């Protein structure tokens, strides 16, 4: 197995581990805090962005493996026709080589396909669990549970996808930095304005002194 297909396999194992972690039964309070943390974590936001790019490359590998399977299938059909006329013993080695290539191509196709399919399942599962947590929290709040409807619930209500709040926090930090830069520029312009004002007033004072003399 080549390096990139080995990485795809590791990603598939990682997705299976994440899926098992999502479906593990946990107390409602712990699960609510956990998903609230995931929703606002900037690290999860960066990981999500990196995985999106990775899945694009996996999709390309999947399409390439499908093409290879089709081409190998065509070669096998050609060998079958030639074997009927030339003889199976003459083409046995070549046929085994083509069958081995077919096996590896099919393996790579299934590996990439299952990885992409499991990514869709993970996304849907996470969204459904978020929705269930919101509804459970809403029911508890309507039943008079004072612990329901707190900060974690508000965070879950605002979390549309993994790392959405973290991404918004990064945008807010960038805007804060821009505001600080503008403040510094404004302070510099104000200092220059006062400096020019002092120079103008001093020059006027010198002119008045000369006139009085």
N, C-alpha and C. Protein backbone atom coordinates (compact mmCIF):
# COMPACT_ATOMS: atom_id res chain seq x y z
N UNK A 1 0.86 -1.20 0.00
CA UNK A 1 0.00 0.00 0.00
C UNK A 1 0.89 1.24 0.00
N UNK A 2 0.61 2.16 -0.94
CA UNK A 2 1.41 3.38 -1.03
C UNK A 2 1.16 4.29 0.16
N UNK A 3 1.97 5.35 0.26
CA UNK A 3 1.91 6.24 1.42
C UNK A 3 0.56 6.93 1.53
N UNK A 4 0.06 7.47 0.41
CA UNK A 4 -1.18 8.23 0.50
C UNK A 4 -2.38 7.34 0.81
N UNK A 5 -2.36 6.10 0.32
CA UNK A 5 -3.45 5.19 0.67
C UNK A 5 -3.33 4.73 2.12
N UNK A 6 -2.10 4.66 2.63
CA UNK A 6 -1.92 4.37 4.05
C UNK A 6 -2.49 5.50 4.91
N UNK A 7 -2.28 6.75 4.47
CA UNK A 7 -2.85 7.89 5.18
C UNK A 7 -4.38 7.88 5.11
N UNK A 8 -4.92 7.47 3.96
CA UNK A 8 -6.38 7.36 3.84
C UNK A 8 -6.91 6.30 4.82
N UNK A 9 -6.18 5.19 4.95
CA UNK A 9 -6.59 4.15 5.89
C UNK A 9 -6.55 4.66 7.33
N UNK A 10 -5.50 5.42 7.68
CA UNK A 10 -5.44 6.00 9.03
C UNK A 10 -6.59 6.97 9.27
N UNK A 11 -6.94 7.74 8.24
CA UNK A 11 -8.08 8.65 8.37
C UNK A 11 -9.37 7.88 8.56
N UNK A 12 -9.51 6.74 7.87
CA UNK A 12 -10.69 5.91 8.05
C UNK A 12 -10.78 5.38 9.48
N UNK A 13 -9.65 4.93 10.03
CA UNK A 13 -9.63 4.45 11.42
C UNK A 13 -9.98 5.60 12.37
N UNK A 14 -9.45 6.80 12.10
CA UNK A 14 -9.76 7.97 12.93
C UNK A 14 -11.25 8.28 12.88
N UNK A 15 -11.85 8.19 11.71
CA UNK A 15 -13.29 8.45 11.59
C UNK A 15 -14.11 7.42 12.35
N UNK A 16 -13.69 6.16 12.32
CA UNK A 16 -14.40 5.13 13.07
C UNK A 16 -14.30 5.39 14.57
N UNK A 17 -13.12 5.83 15.02
CA UNK A 17 -12.96 6.14 16.45
C UNK A 17 -13.84 7.32 16.86
N UNK A 18 -13.90 8.35 16.00
CA UNK A 18 -14.75 9.51 16.30
C UNK A 18 -16.22 9.10 16.32
N UNK A 19 -16.61 8.25 15.39
CA UNK A 19 -18.01 7.79 15.35
C UNK A 19 -18.37 7.03 16.61
N UNK A 20 -17.47 6.15 17.06
CA UNK A 20 -17.72 5.42 18.31
C UNK A 20 -17.80 6.38 19.50
N UNK A 21 -16.94 7.42 19.49
CA UNK A 21 -16.98 8.40 20.58
C UNK A 21 -18.30 9.18 20.57
N UNK A 22 -18.86 9.42 19.39
CA UNK A 22 -20.12 10.17 19.32
C UNK A 22 -21.30 9.37 19.83
N UNK A 23 -21.28 8.06 19.59
CA UNK A 23 -22.45 7.25 19.96
C UNK A 23 -22.32 6.63 21.35
N UNK A 24 -21.20 6.88 22.04
CA UNK A 24 -21.07 6.36 23.41
C UNK A 24 -22.10 7.05 24.30
N UNK A 25 -22.90 6.28 25.05
CA UNK A 25 -23.90 6.91 25.94
C UNK A 25 -23.23 7.61 27.12
N UNK A 26 -23.50 8.89 27.26
CA UNK A 26 -22.96 9.71 28.35
C UNK A 26 -24.09 10.44 29.05
N UNK A 27 -23.88 10.85 30.31
CA UNK A 27 -24.90 11.69 30.97
C UNK A 27 -25.16 12.96 30.18
N UNK A 28 -26.38 13.46 30.29
CA UNK A 28 -26.79 14.60 29.49
C UNK A 28 -25.93 15.83 29.75
N UNK A 29 -25.60 16.10 31.01
CA UNK A 29 -24.80 17.28 31.34
C UNK A 29 -23.41 17.21 30.74
N UNK A 30 -22.76 16.03 30.87
CA UNK A 30 -21.42 15.87 30.33
C UNK A 30 -21.43 15.99 28.81
N UNK A 31 -22.41 15.35 28.17
CA UNK A 31 -22.48 15.42 26.71
C UNK A 31 -22.74 16.85 26.24
N UNK A 32 -23.58 17.60 26.97
CA UNK A 32 -23.86 18.97 26.59
C UNK A 32 -22.61 19.84 26.68
N UNK A 33 -21.85 19.68 27.77
CA UNK A 33 -20.62 20.46 27.92
C UNK A 33 -19.59 20.07 26.86
N UNK A 34 -19.52 18.77 26.55
CA UNK A 34 -18.55 18.30 25.56
C UNK A 34 -18.85 18.88 24.18
N UNK A 35 -20.12 18.84 23.78
CA UNK A 35 -20.47 19.35 22.46
C UNK A 35 -20.40 20.88 22.41
N UNK A 36 -20.65 21.52 23.53
CA UNK A 36 -20.47 22.98 23.56
C UNK A 36 -19.01 23.35 23.38
N UNK A 37 -18.11 22.57 23.99
CA UNK A 37 -16.67 22.82 23.83
C UNK A 37 -16.24 22.58 22.38
N UNK A 38 -16.74 21.49 21.78
CA UNK A 38 -16.38 21.18 20.39
C UNK A 38 -16.87 22.27 19.46
N UNK A 39 -18.04 22.82 19.74
CA UNK A 39 -18.63 23.80 18.84
C UNK A 39 -17.88 25.12 18.83
N UNK A 40 -17.21 25.47 19.93
CA UNK A 40 -16.54 26.77 20.00
C UNK A 40 -15.01 26.68 20.00
N UNK A 41 -14.48 25.47 19.84
CA UNK A 41 -13.03 25.30 19.88
C UNK A 41 -12.41 25.76 18.56
N UNK A 42 -11.44 26.67 18.59
CA UNK A 42 -10.76 27.08 17.34
C UNK A 42 -9.89 25.96 16.76
N UNK A 43 -9.40 25.06 17.62
CA UNK A 43 -8.60 23.94 17.13
C UNK A 43 -9.46 23.02 16.27
N UNK A 44 -10.70 22.76 16.73
CA UNK A 44 -11.61 21.93 15.95
C UNK A 44 -11.96 22.61 14.64
N UNK A 45 -12.06 23.94 14.67
CA UNK A 45 -12.35 24.68 13.43
C UNK A 45 -11.22 24.51 12.41
N UNK A 46 -9.96 24.59 12.89
CA UNK A 46 -8.83 24.39 11.98
C UNK A 46 -8.79 22.95 11.47
N UNK A 47 -9.09 22.00 12.36
CA UNK A 47 -9.11 20.60 11.96
C UNK A 47 -10.19 20.34 10.91
N UNK A 48 -11.35 20.97 11.09
CA UNK A 48 -12.43 20.81 10.12
C UNK A 48 -12.02 21.36 8.75
N UNK A 49 -11.37 22.51 8.75
CA UNK A 49 -10.93 23.11 7.48
C UNK A 49 -9.90 22.21 6.79
N UNK A 50 -8.96 21.66 7.56
CA UNK A 50 -7.97 20.76 6.98
C UNK A 50 -8.59 19.49 6.44
N UNK A 51 -9.60 18.95 7.15
CA UNK A 51 -10.26 17.73 6.69
C UNK A 51 -11.03 17.96 5.40
N UNK A 52 -11.61 19.15 5.24
CA UNK A 52 -12.33 19.45 4.00
C UNK A 52 -11.39 19.38 2.80
N UNK A 53 -10.19 19.96 2.97
CA UNK A 53 -9.21 19.89 1.88
C UNK A 53 -8.76 18.45 1.65
N UNK A 54 -8.58 17.70 2.75
CA UNK A 54 -8.16 16.30 2.62
C UNK A 54 -9.18 15.47 1.88
N UNK A 55 -10.46 15.70 2.17
CA UNK A 55 -11.51 14.92 1.51
C UNK A 55 -11.60 15.23 0.02
N UNK A 56 -11.19 16.43 -0.37
CA UNK A 56 -11.16 16.74 -1.81
C UNK A 56 -10.12 15.86 -2.50
N UNK A 57 -8.94 15.71 -1.88
CA UNK A 57 -7.91 14.84 -2.44
C UNK A 57 -8.35 13.38 -2.43
N UNK A 58 -9.06 12.97 -1.38
CA UNK A 58 -9.55 11.59 -1.32
C UNK A 58 -10.57 11.34 -2.42
N UNK A 59 -11.41 12.34 -2.70
CA UNK A 59 -12.37 12.20 -3.80
C UNK A 59 -11.64 12.01 -5.14
N UNK A 60 -10.54 12.76 -5.33
CA UNK A 60 -9.75 12.58 -6.56
C UNK A 60 -9.16 11.18 -6.62
N UNK A 61 -8.65 10.67 -5.49
CA UNK A 61 -8.12 9.31 -5.45
C UNK A 61 -9.22 8.28 -5.74
N UNK A 62 -10.41 8.56 -5.23
CA UNK A 62 -11.53 7.63 -5.46
C UNK A 62 -11.88 7.57 -6.96
N UNK A 63 -11.95 8.73 -7.60
CA UNK A 63 -12.25 8.75 -9.03
C UNK A 63 -11.15 8.06 -9.84
N UNK A 64 -9.90 8.26 -9.42
CA UNK A 64 -8.78 7.61 -10.11
C UNK A 64 -8.84 6.09 -9.94
N UNK A 65 -9.19 5.63 -8.75
CA UNK A 65 -9.28 4.18 -8.52
C UNK A 65 -10.43 3.56 -9.31
N UNK A 66 -11.55 4.29 -9.43
CA UNK A 66 -12.67 3.80 -10.24
C UNK A 66 -12.23 3.67 -11.70
N UNK A 67 -11.49 4.65 -12.18
CA UNK A 67 -10.98 4.58 -13.56
C UNK A 67 -10.03 3.41 -13.76
N UNK A 68 -9.19 3.16 -12.77
CA UNK A 68 -8.25 2.03 -12.87
C UNK A 68 -9.00 0.70 -12.87
N UNK A 69 -10.03 0.58 -12.04
CA UNK A 69 -10.82 -0.65 -12.01
C UNK A 69 -11.46 -0.90 -13.37
N UNK A 70 -11.98 0.16 -13.97
CA UNK A 70 -12.61 0.02 -15.28
C UNK A 70 -11.60 -0.43 -16.34
N UNK A 71 -10.40 0.17 -16.33
CA UNK A 71 -9.39 -0.19 -17.31
C UNK A 71 -8.90 -1.63 -17.13
N UNK A 72 -8.73 -2.05 -15.86
CA UNK A 72 -8.29 -3.42 -15.60
C UNK A 72 -9.37 -4.40 -16.02
N UNK A 73 -10.62 -4.03 -15.81
CA UNK A 73 -11.73 -4.89 -16.23
C UNK A 73 -11.71 -5.08 -17.76
N UNK A 74 -11.38 -4.00 -18.46
CA UNK A 74 -11.28 -4.09 -19.92
C UNK A 74 -10.12 -5.00 -20.33
N UNK A 75 -9.00 -4.93 -19.62
CA UNK A 75 -7.86 -5.80 -19.93
C UNK A 75 -8.20 -7.27 -19.68
N UNK A 76 -8.94 -7.53 -18.60
CA UNK A 76 -9.34 -8.90 -18.31
C UNK A 76 -10.25 -9.45 -19.39
N UNK A 77 -11.13 -8.59 -19.88
CA UNK A 77 -12.01 -9.03 -20.98
C UNK A 77 -11.20 -9.35 -22.22
N UNK A 78 -10.14 -8.56 -22.46
CA UNK A 78 -9.27 -8.83 -23.62
C UNK A 78 -8.53 -10.14 -23.46
N UNK A 79 -8.02 -10.40 -22.24
CA UNK A 79 -7.32 -11.65 -21.99
C UNK A 79 -8.25 -12.85 -22.13
N UNK A 80 -9.50 -12.68 -21.75
CA UNK A 80 -10.46 -13.78 -21.88
C UNK A 80 -10.68 -14.13 -23.35
N UNK A 81 -10.78 -13.10 -24.19
CA UNK A 81 -10.95 -13.36 -25.62
C UNK A 81 -9.69 -14.00 -26.22
N UNK A 82 -8.51 -13.49 -25.83
CA UNK A 82 -7.27 -14.06 -26.35
C UNK A 82 -7.04 -15.48 -25.86
N UNK A 83 -7.45 -15.75 -24.62
CA UNK A 83 -7.26 -17.09 -24.07
C UNK A 83 -8.08 -18.13 -24.79
N UNK A 84 -9.21 -17.70 -25.34
CA UNK A 84 -10.04 -18.66 -26.06
C UNK A 84 -9.39 -19.10 -27.36
N UNK A 85 -8.52 -18.25 -27.94
CA UNK A 85 -7.89 -18.57 -29.22
C UNK A 85 -6.46 -19.06 -29.06
N UNK A 86 -5.68 -18.40 -28.18
CA UNK A 86 -4.26 -18.75 -28.02
C UNK A 86 -4.06 -19.88 -27.04
N UNK A 87 -4.83 -19.86 -25.94
CA UNK A 87 -4.65 -20.87 -24.91
C UNK A 87 -4.34 -20.23 -23.58
N UNK A 88 -4.87 -20.83 -22.51
CA UNK A 88 -4.73 -20.24 -21.18
C UNK A 88 -3.31 -20.34 -20.65
N UNK A 89 -2.57 -21.38 -21.01
CA UNK A 89 -1.22 -21.56 -20.49
C UNK A 89 -0.28 -20.46 -20.96
N UNK A 90 -0.50 -19.99 -22.15
CA UNK A 90 0.38 -18.97 -22.72
C UNK A 90 0.16 -17.61 -22.05
N UNK A 91 -1.06 -17.33 -21.66
CA UNK A 91 -1.39 -16.03 -21.07
C UNK A 91 -1.61 -16.09 -19.56
N UNK A 92 -1.22 -17.20 -18.93
CA UNK A 92 -1.51 -17.36 -17.51
C UNK A 92 -0.83 -16.33 -16.63
N UNK A 93 0.45 -16.07 -16.86
CA UNK A 93 1.20 -15.12 -16.03
C UNK A 93 0.67 -13.71 -16.18
N UNK A 94 0.43 -13.31 -17.41
CA UNK A 94 -0.10 -11.96 -17.64
C UNK A 94 -1.48 -11.79 -17.02
N UNK A 95 -2.28 -12.83 -17.10
CA UNK A 95 -3.63 -12.76 -16.54
C UNK A 95 -3.59 -12.62 -15.02
N UNK A 96 -2.67 -13.35 -14.37
CA UNK A 96 -2.53 -13.25 -12.92
C UNK A 96 -2.09 -11.84 -12.51
N UNK A 97 -1.19 -11.25 -13.32
CA UNK A 97 -0.74 -9.89 -13.02
C UNK A 97 -1.89 -8.90 -13.13
N UNK A 98 -2.71 -9.05 -14.16
CA UNK A 98 -3.86 -8.16 -14.33
C UNK A 98 -4.87 -8.36 -13.20
N UNK A 99 -5.08 -9.59 -12.77
CA UNK A 99 -6.00 -9.85 -11.66
C UNK A 99 -5.49 -9.24 -10.36
N UNK A 100 -4.15 -9.28 -10.16
CA UNK A 100 -3.58 -8.63 -8.98
C UNK A 100 -3.80 -7.12 -9.02
N UNK A 101 -3.62 -6.53 -10.19
CA UNK A 101 -3.88 -5.09 -10.33
C UNK A 101 -5.35 -4.77 -10.10
N UNK A 102 -6.21 -5.66 -10.54
CA UNK A 102 -7.65 -5.46 -10.30
C UNK A 102 -7.96 -5.50 -8.81
N UNK A 103 -7.33 -6.43 -8.10
CA UNK A 103 -7.56 -6.52 -6.65
C UNK A 103 -7.12 -5.24 -5.94
N UNK A 104 -5.92 -4.73 -6.27
CA UNK A 104 -5.42 -3.52 -5.62
C UNK A 104 -6.27 -2.30 -5.99
N UNK A 105 -6.71 -2.25 -7.23
CA UNK A 105 -7.55 -1.11 -7.64
C UNK A 105 -8.88 -1.13 -6.92
N UNK A 106 -9.48 -2.32 -6.80
CA UNK A 106 -10.74 -2.42 -6.08
C UNK A 106 -10.56 -2.10 -4.60
N UNK A 107 -9.45 -2.56 -4.02
CA UNK A 107 -9.18 -2.24 -2.61
C UNK A 107 -9.08 -0.74 -2.40
N UNK A 108 -8.34 -0.05 -3.28
CA UNK A 108 -8.20 1.40 -3.15
C UNK A 108 -9.54 2.12 -3.36
N UNK A 109 -10.36 1.61 -4.28
CA UNK A 109 -11.66 2.21 -4.52
C UNK A 109 -12.56 2.06 -3.30
N UNK A 110 -12.60 0.88 -2.70
CA UNK A 110 -13.42 0.68 -1.50
C UNK A 110 -12.91 1.50 -0.33
N UNK A 111 -11.58 1.59 -0.20
CA UNK A 111 -10.99 2.35 0.91
C UNK A 111 -11.38 3.83 0.82
N UNK A 112 -11.20 4.43 -0.34
CA UNK A 112 -11.55 5.85 -0.51
C UNK A 112 -13.05 6.06 -0.42
N UNK A 113 -13.82 5.13 -1.00
CA UNK A 113 -15.27 5.27 -0.97
C UNK A 113 -15.83 5.21 0.44
N UNK A 114 -15.37 4.24 1.24
CA UNK A 114 -15.86 4.13 2.61
C UNK A 114 -15.43 5.33 3.46
N UNK A 115 -14.23 5.85 3.18
CA UNK A 115 -13.77 7.03 3.93
C UNK A 115 -14.65 8.24 3.65
N UNK A 116 -14.98 8.46 2.39
CA UNK A 116 -15.87 9.57 2.03
C UNK A 116 -17.27 9.37 2.60
N UNK A 117 -17.77 8.13 2.50
CA UNK A 117 -19.12 7.85 2.99
C UNK A 117 -19.21 8.03 4.50
N UNK A 118 -18.17 7.60 5.23
CA UNK A 118 -18.18 7.74 6.68
C UNK A 118 -18.08 9.20 7.10
N UNK A 119 -17.41 10.03 6.29
CA UNK A 119 -17.35 11.45 6.61
C UNK A 119 -18.74 12.08 6.55
N UNK A 120 -19.55 11.67 5.58
CA UNK A 120 -20.93 12.16 5.49
C UNK A 120 -21.76 11.68 6.69
N UNK A 121 -21.54 10.43 7.08
CA UNK A 121 -22.26 9.89 8.24
C UNK A 121 -21.88 10.64 9.51
N UNK A 122 -20.59 10.95 9.68
CA UNK A 122 -20.14 11.68 10.86
C UNK A 122 -20.78 13.07 10.93
N UNK A 123 -20.80 13.75 9.80
CA UNK A 123 -21.38 15.09 9.77
C UNK A 123 -22.86 15.05 10.13
N UNK A 124 -23.57 14.08 9.55
CA UNK A 124 -25.00 13.96 9.84
C UNK A 124 -25.26 13.54 11.28
N UNK A 125 -24.43 12.62 11.80
CA UNK A 125 -24.60 12.17 13.18
C UNK A 125 -24.36 13.30 14.17
N UNK A 126 -23.32 14.09 13.91
CA UNK A 126 -23.04 15.22 14.80
C UNK A 126 -24.19 16.23 14.79
N UNK A 127 -24.74 16.51 13.61
CA UNK A 127 -25.86 17.45 13.53
C UNK A 127 -27.08 16.92 14.26
N UNK A 128 -27.35 15.63 14.12
CA UNK A 128 -28.52 15.04 14.79
C UNK A 128 -28.35 15.04 16.31
N UNK A 129 -27.13 14.75 16.78
CA UNK A 129 -26.90 14.75 18.23
C UNK A 129 -27.07 16.17 18.78
N UNK A 130 -26.57 17.17 18.06
CA UNK A 130 -26.76 18.56 18.48
C UNK A 130 -28.25 18.90 18.59
N UNK A 131 -29.01 18.47 17.59
CA UNK A 131 -30.44 18.76 17.59
C UNK A 131 -31.14 18.06 18.76
N UNK A 132 -30.75 16.82 19.03
CA UNK A 132 -31.34 16.08 20.16
C UNK A 132 -31.01 16.77 21.48
N UNK A 133 -29.76 17.24 21.63
CA UNK A 133 -29.37 17.93 22.86
C UNK A 133 -30.17 19.22 23.03
N UNK A 134 -30.39 19.96 21.95
CA UNK A 134 -31.19 21.18 22.05
C UNK A 134 -32.62 20.87 22.48
N UNK A 135 -33.19 19.82 21.87
CA UNK A 135 -34.57 19.48 22.21
C UNK A 135 -34.68 18.97 23.64
N UNK A 136 -33.71 18.15 24.07
CA UNK A 136 -33.74 17.67 25.46
C UNK A 136 -33.60 18.82 26.45
N UNK A 137 -32.71 19.75 26.14
CA UNK A 137 -32.54 20.89 27.02
C UNK A 137 -33.79 21.76 27.04
N UNK A 138 -34.44 21.88 25.89
CA UNK A 138 -35.68 22.67 25.82
C UNK A 138 -36.78 22.02 26.64
N UNK A 139 -36.86 20.69 26.57
CA UNK A 139 -37.88 19.97 27.35
C UNK A 139 -37.63 20.12 28.84
N UNK A 140 -36.35 20.00 29.24
CA UNK A 140 -36.03 20.15 30.66
C UNK A 140 -36.34 21.56 31.14
N UNK A 141 -36.07 22.56 30.29
CA UNK A 141 -36.35 23.94 30.66
C UNK A 141 -37.85 24.17 30.82
N UNK A 142 -38.65 23.60 29.93
CA UNK A 142 -40.11 23.75 30.02
C UNK A 142 -40.67 22.98 31.20
N UNK A 143 -39.99 21.90 31.60
CA UNK A 143 -40.45 21.13 32.76
C UNK A 143 -40.08 21.79 34.08
N UNK A 144 -39.32 22.88 34.02
CA UNK A 144 -38.98 23.61 35.24
C UNK A 144 -37.61 23.32 35.79
N UNK A 145 -36.76 22.68 35.01
CA UNK A 145 -35.39 22.41 35.46
C UNK A 145 -34.58 23.70 35.37
N UNK A 146 -34.11 24.20 36.50
CA UNK A 146 -33.39 25.46 36.53
C UNK A 146 -32.00 25.35 35.90
N UNK A 147 -31.44 24.14 35.89
CA UNK A 147 -30.10 23.97 35.33
C UNK A 147 -30.12 24.01 33.81
N UNK A 148 -31.28 23.79 33.23
CA UNK A 148 -31.38 23.80 31.77
C UNK A 148 -31.44 25.23 31.26
N UNK A 149 -31.07 25.40 30.02
CA UNK A 149 -31.12 26.73 29.42
C UNK A 149 -29.99 27.64 29.83
N UNK A 150 -28.85 27.07 30.26
CA UNK A 150 -27.72 27.89 30.69
C UNK A 150 -26.81 28.27 29.53
N UNK A 151 -25.55 28.55 29.88
CA UNK A 151 -24.59 28.99 28.87
C UNK A 151 -24.32 27.90 27.85
N UNK A 152 -24.19 26.65 28.33
CA UNK A 152 -23.91 25.56 27.40
C UNK A 152 -25.05 25.38 26.40
N UNK A 153 -26.26 25.57 26.85
CA UNK A 153 -27.40 25.44 25.94
C UNK A 153 -27.40 26.55 24.91
N UNK A 154 -27.04 27.76 25.36
CA UNK A 154 -26.97 28.86 24.41
C UNK A 154 -25.89 28.61 23.37
N UNK A 155 -24.78 28.03 23.81
CA UNK A 155 -23.71 27.72 22.86
C UNK A 155 -24.14 26.65 21.86
N UNK A 156 -24.88 25.65 22.37
CA UNK A 156 -25.36 24.61 21.47
C UNK A 156 -26.39 25.16 20.49
N UNK A 157 -27.19 26.09 20.94
CA UNK A 157 -28.21 26.66 20.07
C UNK A 157 -27.59 27.46 18.94
N UNK A 158 -26.42 28.04 19.20
CA UNK A 158 -25.77 28.86 18.17
C UNK A 158 -24.83 28.04 17.30
N UNK A 159 -24.55 26.80 17.67
CA UNK A 159 -23.58 25.99 16.93
C UNK A 159 -24.25 25.34 15.74
N UNK A 160 -23.95 25.85 14.57
CA UNK A 160 -24.51 25.28 13.36
C UNK A 160 -23.67 24.13 12.84
N UNK A 161 -22.36 24.18 13.06
CA UNK A 161 -21.46 23.13 12.62
C UNK A 161 -20.25 23.14 13.53
N UNK A 162 -19.38 22.15 13.34
CA UNK A 162 -18.21 22.02 14.19
C UNK A 162 -17.30 23.22 14.02
N UNK A 163 -16.95 23.89 15.15
CA UNK A 163 -16.02 25.00 15.10
C UNK A 163 -16.58 26.30 14.58
N UNK A 164 -17.91 26.40 14.44
CA UNK A 164 -18.48 27.64 13.90
C UNK A 164 -18.22 28.81 14.83
N UNK A 165 -18.44 28.60 16.12
CA UNK A 165 -18.22 29.67 17.08
C UNK A 165 -16.74 30.02 17.16
N UNK A 166 -15.87 29.00 17.06
CA UNK A 166 -14.44 29.28 17.06
C UNK A 166 -14.03 30.14 15.89
N UNK A 167 -14.62 29.88 14.73
CA UNK A 167 -14.31 30.70 13.56
C UNK A 167 -14.78 32.13 13.75
N UNK A 168 -15.96 32.29 14.37
CA UNK A 168 -16.47 33.64 14.64
C UNK A 168 -15.58 34.37 15.64
N UNK A 169 -15.06 33.63 16.61
CA UNK A 169 -14.15 34.25 17.58
C UNK A 169 -12.87 34.73 16.90
N UNK A 170 -12.38 33.95 15.95
CA UNK A 170 -11.17 34.36 15.24
C UNK A 170 -11.43 35.63 14.43
N UNK A 171 -12.60 35.72 13.80
CA UNK A 171 -12.95 36.93 13.05
C UNK A 171 -13.06 38.13 13.99
N UNK A 172 -13.63 37.88 15.18
CA UNK A 172 -13.76 38.97 16.16
C UNK A 172 -12.39 39.44 16.63
N UNK A 173 -11.48 38.49 16.87
CA UNK A 173 -10.12 38.87 17.28
C UNK A 173 -9.42 39.67 16.18
N UNK A 174 -9.62 39.27 14.93
CA UNK A 174 -9.01 40.02 13.81
C UNK A 174 -9.56 41.45 13.76
N UNK A 175 -10.87 41.58 13.98
CA UNK A 175 -11.45 42.93 13.98
C UNK A 175 -10.93 43.76 15.15
N UNK A 176 -10.75 43.10 16.31
CA UNK A 176 -10.19 43.82 17.46
C UNK A 176 -8.78 44.31 17.17
N UNK A 177 -7.99 43.47 16.47
CA UNK A 177 -6.64 43.91 16.11
C UNK A 177 -6.68 45.09 15.14
N UNK A 178 -7.63 45.05 14.22
CA UNK A 178 -7.78 46.18 13.29
C UNK A 178 -8.15 47.46 14.02
N UNK A 179 -9.02 47.32 15.02
CA UNK A 179 -9.43 48.49 15.81
C UNK A 179 -8.25 49.06 16.58
N UNK A 180 -7.42 48.15 17.16
CA UNK A 180 -6.25 48.61 17.89
C UNK A 180 -5.27 49.33 16.95
N UNK A 181 -5.12 48.81 15.75
CA UNK A 181 -4.24 49.46 14.77
C UNK A 181 -4.75 50.85 14.41
N UNK A 182 -6.07 50.95 14.21
CA UNK A 182 -6.66 52.26 13.91
C UNK A 182 -6.50 53.23 15.07
N UNK A 183 -6.61 52.73 16.30
CA UNK A 183 -6.42 53.58 17.47
C UNK A 183 -5.01 54.13 17.51
N UNK A 184 -4.02 53.26 17.25
CA UNK A 184 -2.64 53.71 17.26
C UNK A 184 -2.39 54.75 16.17
N UNK A 185 -2.96 54.51 14.98
CA UNK A 185 -2.81 55.49 13.91
C UNK A 185 -3.46 56.82 14.27
N UNK A 186 -4.63 56.73 14.92
CA UNK A 186 -5.33 57.95 15.33
C UNK A 186 -4.52 58.72 16.38
N UNK A 187 -3.92 57.96 17.32
CA UNK A 187 -3.09 58.62 18.33
C UNK A 187 -1.88 59.29 17.69
N UNK A 188 -1.28 58.61 16.69
CA UNK A 188 -0.14 59.21 16.00
C UNK A 188 -0.52 60.47 15.25
N UNK A 189 -1.69 60.44 14.58
CA UNK A 189 -2.15 61.63 13.87
C UNK A 189 -2.48 62.76 14.84
N UNK A 190 -3.05 62.41 15.98
CA UNK A 190 -3.37 63.44 16.98
C UNK A 190 -2.10 64.08 17.51
N UNK A 191 -1.06 63.27 17.75
CA UNK A 191 0.20 63.81 18.24
C UNK A 191 0.83 64.73 17.19
N UNK A 192 0.77 64.32 15.92
CA UNK A 192 1.30 65.18 14.86
C UNK A 192 0.51 66.48 14.75
N UNK A 193 -0.79 66.38 14.92
CA UNK A 193 -1.63 67.59 14.85
C UNK A 193 -1.28 68.58 15.96
N UNK A 194 -1.12 68.05 17.19
CA UNK A 194 -0.74 68.92 18.32
C UNK A 194 0.65 69.51 18.10
N UNK A 195 1.55 68.71 17.54
CA UNK A 195 2.91 69.18 17.29
C UNK A 195 2.89 70.32 16.27
N UNK A 196 2.13 70.15 15.19
CA UNK A 196 2.02 71.21 14.20
C UNK A 196 1.35 72.45 14.77
N UNK A 197 0.34 72.20 15.63
CA UNK A 197 -0.33 73.34 16.28
C UNK A 197 0.61 74.13 17.16
N UNK A 198 1.48 73.42 17.90
CA UNK A 198 2.46 74.11 18.75
C UNK A 198 3.46 74.91 17.89
N UNK A 199 3.88 74.31 16.75
CA UNK A 199 4.83 75.02 15.88
C UNK A 199 4.20 76.28 15.30
N UNK A 200 2.93 76.18 14.87
CA UNK A 200 2.24 77.35 14.31
C UNK A 200 2.07 78.43 15.36
N UNK A 201 1.67 78.04 16.56
CA UNK A 201 1.47 79.04 17.62
C UNK A 201 2.78 79.69 18.02
N UNK A 202 3.88 78.90 18.03
CA UNK A 202 5.18 79.48 18.40
C UNK A 202 5.66 80.46 17.33
N UNK A 203 5.42 80.09 16.04
CA UNK A 203 5.82 81.01 14.95
C UNK A 203 5.01 82.29 15.00
N UNK A 204 3.75 82.23 15.33
CA UNK A 204 2.93 83.43 15.46
C UNK A 204 3.41 84.29 16.62
N UNK A 205 3.82 83.64 17.70
CA UNK A 205 4.32 84.39 18.84
C UNK A 205 5.60 85.14 18.51
N UNK A 206 6.47 84.48 17.71
CA UNK A 206 7.70 85.15 17.30
C UNK A 206 7.40 86.36 16.41
N UNK A 207 6.45 86.24 15.51
CA UNK A 207 6.08 87.37 14.63
C UNK A 207 5.52 88.53 15.45
N UNK A 208 4.72 88.24 16.43
CA UNK A 208 4.15 89.30 17.26
C UNK A 208 5.23 90.01 18.06
N UNK A 209 6.23 89.26 18.51
CA UNK A 209 7.31 89.87 19.26
C UNK A 209 8.12 90.83 18.37
N UNK A 210 8.34 90.38 17.10
CA UNK A 210 9.08 91.23 16.17
C UNK A 210 8.32 92.52 15.85
N UNK A 211 7.00 92.39 15.68
CA UNK A 211 6.18 93.58 15.41
C UNK A 211 6.20 94.56 16.56
N UNK A 212 6.16 94.02 17.76
CA UNK A 212 6.17 94.89 18.93
C UNK A 212 7.50 95.63 19.07
N UNK A 213 8.57 94.97 18.63
CA UNK A 213 9.86 95.64 18.67
C UNK A 213 9.93 96.71 17.61
